[in-house]
């Protein structure tokens, strides 16, 4: 069984994937306290999606799968707020939430992929092409997208998570991908979500060509 450790936790309205970069503006006293404790040590904390509730004040419903992150940079402003940049390291599963005193803490363990048949290289290449086509369509619609020039790993285990971070998905769809335990299942789910997104983009592009306008924003 994977080892369990206690980790400070940062529930957010977004999903962080391994190797992803997370900018944070920290102003709540409890999270400023967390930073003061983290910066002299490992600088590692957990990020989980808030399923219901607010990032401010506590009392939110939190996902049970998240990502361990490490602080890369932290700067305090004159008003006591912090600008923080962190990077995702690995997926984690929450075994038990501890009292939020003085800030959220949980007992977590690593969440590695389960063994499986793997992903065919041609299928993986097609998945990357599907993502680029979808992003190109959004650019044609005048939308601002994350750079699709980010180098995606050749390993489908990591690359599928990187593509999920780039894709125009809702936080809850990103969370669904984060929670999938086998690489081939994750790629399949990602492909289905990209296909749904492409259908909407194609409809909007056709509407624009017919003079009906790009349609309502997503």
Protein backbone atom coordinates (compact mmCIF):
# COMPACT_ATOMS: atom_id res chain seq x y z
CA UNK A 1 0.00 0.00 0.00
CA UNK A 2 1.26 3.48 -0.84
CA UNK A 3 2.47 5.55 2.10
CA UNK A 4 0.12 8.15 3.59
CA UNK A 5 1.22 11.61 4.65
CA UNK A 6 -0.38 14.68 6.15
CA UNK A 7 -0.51 17.55 3.69
CA UNK A 8 -1.80 21.13 3.82
CA UNK A 9 -4.63 21.45 1.31
CA UNK A 10 -5.85 24.26 -0.95
CA UNK A 11 -9.41 23.66 -2.23
CA UNK A 12 -10.00 25.66 -5.41
CA UNK A 13 -12.53 26.15 -8.18
CA UNK A 14 -10.05 24.76 -10.70
CA UNK A 15 -8.24 21.49 -11.39
CA UNK A 16 -4.46 21.24 -11.37
CA UNK A 17 -2.76 18.46 -13.34
CA UNK A 18 0.78 17.09 -12.88
CA UNK A 19 3.36 19.40 -14.55
CA UNK A 20 0.70 22.14 -14.74
CA UNK A 21 1.47 25.63 -13.47
CA UNK A 22 -0.88 27.21 -10.94
CA UNK A 23 -0.82 30.96 -10.19
CA UNK A 24 -2.45 31.90 -6.91
CA UNK A 25 -3.33 35.14 -5.17
CA UNK A 26 -3.47 34.38 -1.48
CA UNK A 27 -5.29 36.80 0.80
CA UNK A 28 -7.33 34.72 3.28
CA UNK A 29 -5.64 34.67 6.72
CA UNK A 30 -5.76 30.86 6.96
CA UNK A 31 -3.91 30.41 3.66
CA UNK A 32 -1.43 33.14 4.46
CA UNK A 33 -0.74 31.15 7.63
CA UNK A 34 -0.29 28.05 5.46
CA UNK A 35 2.28 29.83 3.31
CA UNK A 36 4.25 30.93 6.36
CA UNK A 37 4.45 27.28 7.43
CA UNK A 38 5.21 25.91 3.95
CA UNK A 39 7.89 28.25 2.67
CA UNK A 40 10.68 27.23 5.09
CA UNK A 41 10.03 23.52 4.44
CA UNK A 42 9.07 21.27 1.53
CA UNK A 43 6.74 23.89 -0.03
CA UNK A 44 4.38 21.03 -0.91
CA UNK A 45 0.60 21.15 -0.58
CA UNK A 46 -2.46 19.52 -2.12
CA UNK A 47 -4.95 21.03 -4.56
CA UNK A 48 -8.49 19.67 -4.85
CA UNK A 49 -11.55 20.89 -6.74
CA UNK A 50 -14.41 22.45 -4.79
CA UNK A 51 -17.49 20.57 -5.94
CA UNK A 52 -19.92 22.87 -4.15
CA UNK A 53 -19.48 26.02 -2.13
CA UNK A 54 -16.98 28.87 -2.15
CA UNK A 55 -13.23 29.21 -2.04
CA UNK A 56 -13.63 31.85 0.65
CA UNK A 57 -14.68 31.12 4.21
CA UNK A 58 -14.70 27.32 4.32
CA UNK A 59 -17.62 24.90 4.47
CA UNK A 60 -17.23 23.82 0.84
CA UNK A 61 -17.63 20.27 -0.53
CA UNK A 62 -14.26 19.00 -1.74
CA UNK A 63 -13.23 16.36 -4.26
CA UNK A 64 -11.41 13.30 -3.00
CA UNK A 65 -8.79 13.20 -5.78
CA UNK A 66 -6.39 16.05 -6.41
CA UNK A 67 -2.78 16.92 -7.17
CA UNK A 68 0.23 17.52 -4.98
CA UNK A 69 1.90 20.83 -5.83
CA UNK A 70 5.14 22.57 -4.94
CA UNK A 71 5.59 26.31 -4.59
CA UNK A 72 8.07 27.65 -7.14
CA UNK A 73 7.79 31.33 -6.30
CA UNK A 74 6.07 33.39 -3.61
CA UNK A 75 6.09 37.16 -3.22
CA UNK A 76 4.36 39.15 -0.51
CA UNK A 77 2.91 42.56 -1.36
CA UNK A 78 2.75 45.58 0.94
CA UNK A 79 -0.88 44.80 1.85
CA UNK A 80 0.08 41.33 3.10
CA UNK A 81 -1.31 39.44 0.11
CA UNK A 82 0.81 36.84 -1.66
CA UNK A 83 1.41 36.14 -5.35
CA UNK A 84 2.29 32.46 -5.62
CA UNK A 85 3.28 30.20 -8.52
CA UNK A 86 3.12 26.45 -7.95
CA UNK A 87 3.59 23.39 -10.14
CA UNK A 88 1.66 20.11 -10.06
CA UNK A 89 3.76 17.08 -9.11
CA UNK A 90 1.58 13.98 -8.90
CA UNK A 91 -2.00 12.88 -8.38
CA UNK A 92 -3.14 12.17 -4.83
CA UNK A 93 -6.21 10.66 -3.21
CA UNK A 94 -7.56 11.98 0.08
CA UNK A 95 -7.95 9.25 2.70
CA UNK A 96 -9.20 11.51 5.46
CA UNK A 97 -9.84 15.20 6.00
CA UNK A 98 -8.47 16.63 9.24
CA UNK A 99 -9.91 19.62 11.12
CA UNK A 100 -9.41 22.96 9.32
CA UNK A 101 -7.31 24.30 12.16
CA UNK A 102 -5.68 26.63 11.34
CA UNK A 103 -6.06 25.69 7.63
CA UNK A 104 -7.25 22.64 5.65
CA UNK A 105 -5.21 19.49 6.18
CA UNK A 106 -5.70 15.93 4.96
CA UNK A 107 -4.12 12.51 5.02
CA UNK A 108 -3.29 11.72 1.40
CA UNK A 109 -1.49 9.07 -0.62
CA UNK A 110 -0.20 8.92 -4.21
CA UNK A 111 -2.67 7.95 -6.93
CA UNK A 112 -0.62 6.23 -9.67
CA UNK A 113 -2.17 4.74 -12.79
CA UNK A 114 -3.33 1.14 -12.59
CA UNK A 115 -1.79 -1.36 -15.03
CA UNK A 116 -3.60 -1.83 -18.32
CA UNK A 117 -3.14 -2.73 -21.97
CA UNK A 118 -1.78 0.72 -22.81
CA UNK A 119 -2.49 3.11 -25.66
CA UNK A 120 -1.63 2.45 -29.29
CA UNK A 121 0.87 5.08 -30.56
CA UNK A 122 -1.28 5.83 -33.62
CA UNK A 123 -4.36 6.37 -31.43
CA UNK A 124 -2.38 8.65 -29.14
CA UNK A 125 -1.12 10.70 -32.09
CA UNK A 126 -4.69 11.00 -33.37
CA UNK A 127 -5.79 12.26 -29.95
CA UNK A 128 -3.18 15.01 -30.06
CA UNK A 129 -4.26 15.94 -33.58
CA UNK A 130 -7.87 16.13 -32.40
CA UNK A 131 -6.90 18.54 -29.65
CA UNK A 132 -4.97 20.80 -32.04
CA UNK A 133 -7.87 20.83 -34.50
CA UNK A 134 -10.27 21.84 -31.74
CA UNK A 135 -7.98 24.63 -30.54
CA UNK A 136 -7.51 25.86 -34.12
CA UNK A 137 -11.30 26.03 -34.47
CA UNK A 138 -11.59 28.12 -31.32
CA UNK A 139 -8.92 30.49 -32.64
CA UNK A 140 -10.93 30.83 -35.86
CA UNK A 141 -13.91 31.82 -33.71
CA UNK A 142 -11.84 34.57 -32.09
CA UNK A 143 -11.48 32.91 -28.70
CA UNK A 144 -8.41 33.17 -26.55
CA UNK A 145 -6.91 29.77 -25.84
CA UNK A 146 -3.91 28.46 -23.92
CA UNK A 147 -0.93 28.01 -26.19
CA UNK A 148 -1.20 24.79 -28.18
CA UNK A 149 2.54 24.99 -28.72
CA UNK A 150 3.14 23.51 -25.27
CA UNK A 151 5.16 20.35 -25.73
CA UNK A 152 2.96 17.35 -24.93
CA UNK A 153 4.74 14.32 -23.50
CA UNK A 154 5.20 11.28 -25.70
CA UNK A 155 4.08 9.15 -22.77
CA UNK A 156 0.27 8.88 -22.88
CA UNK A 157 0.09 8.65 -19.09
CA UNK A 158 1.38 12.20 -18.68
CA UNK A 159 0.42 13.54 -22.10
CA UNK A 160 -3.28 12.80 -21.61
CA UNK A 161 -3.25 14.89 -18.43
CA UNK A 162 -1.40 17.71 -20.20
CA UNK A 163 -3.93 17.66 -23.03
CA UNK A 164 -6.79 17.80 -20.54
CA UNK A 165 -5.24 20.97 -19.11
CA UNK A 166 -5.10 22.55 -22.58
CA UNK A 167 -8.53 21.44 -23.77
CA UNK A 168 -11.59 23.72 -23.43
CA UNK A 169 -13.22 21.63 -20.69
CA UNK A 170 -15.24 22.51 -17.62
CA UNK A 171 -13.60 22.01 -14.22
CA UNK A 172 -15.90 19.06 -13.60
CA UNK A 173 -14.86 17.36 -16.86
CA UNK A 174 -11.23 17.97 -15.96
CA UNK A 175 -11.91 16.39 -12.58
CA UNK A 176 -13.45 13.35 -14.29
CA UNK A 177 -10.24 12.92 -16.28
CA UNK A 178 -8.05 13.39 -13.21
CA UNK A 179 -9.91 10.61 -11.40
CA UNK A 180 -9.58 7.96 -14.14
CA UNK A 181 -7.25 5.23 -12.94
CA UNK A 182 -6.06 3.69 -16.22
CA UNK A 183 -4.31 5.51 -19.06
CA UNK A 184 -6.33 3.92 -21.86
CA UNK A 185 -9.61 4.81 -20.12
CA UNK A 186 -8.42 8.37 -19.60
CA UNK A 187 -7.51 8.75 -23.27
CA UNK A 188 -10.88 7.35 -24.27
CA UNK A 189 -12.76 9.80 -22.04
CA UNK A 190 -10.62 12.69 -23.26
CA UNK A 191 -11.29 11.71 -26.88
CA UNK A 192 -15.04 11.67 -26.24
CA UNK A 193 -14.95 15.10 -24.60
CA UNK A 194 -12.84 16.54 -27.42
CA UNK A 195 -15.31 15.12 -29.91
CA UNK A 196 -18.22 16.81 -28.14
CA UNK A 197 -16.32 20.08 -28.12
CA UNK A 198 -15.51 19.75 -31.82
CA UNK A 199 -19.18 19.28 -32.68
CA UNK A 200 -20.03 22.57 -30.98
CA UNK A 201 -17.15 24.38 -32.65
CA UNK A 202 -18.12 23.06 -36.08
CA UNK A 203 -21.71 24.24 -35.55
CA UNK A 204 -20.51 27.71 -34.60
CA UNK A 205 -18.15 27.86 -37.57
CA UNK A 206 -20.92 26.84 -39.97
CA UNK A 207 -23.24 29.42 -38.41
CA UNK A 208 -20.60 32.09 -38.95
CA UNK A 209 -20.14 31.10 -42.58
CA UNK A 210 -23.89 31.37 -43.17
CA UNK A 211 -23.95 34.88 -41.70
CA UNK A 212 -25.86 33.91 -38.60
CA UNK A 213 -23.02 34.90 -36.30
CA UNK A 214 -20.87 32.69 -34.10
CA UNK A 215 -23.71 31.75 -31.75
CA UNK A 216 -23.94 32.18 -28.00
CA UNK A 217 -20.78 32.01 -25.93
CA UNK A 218 -20.07 28.72 -24.25
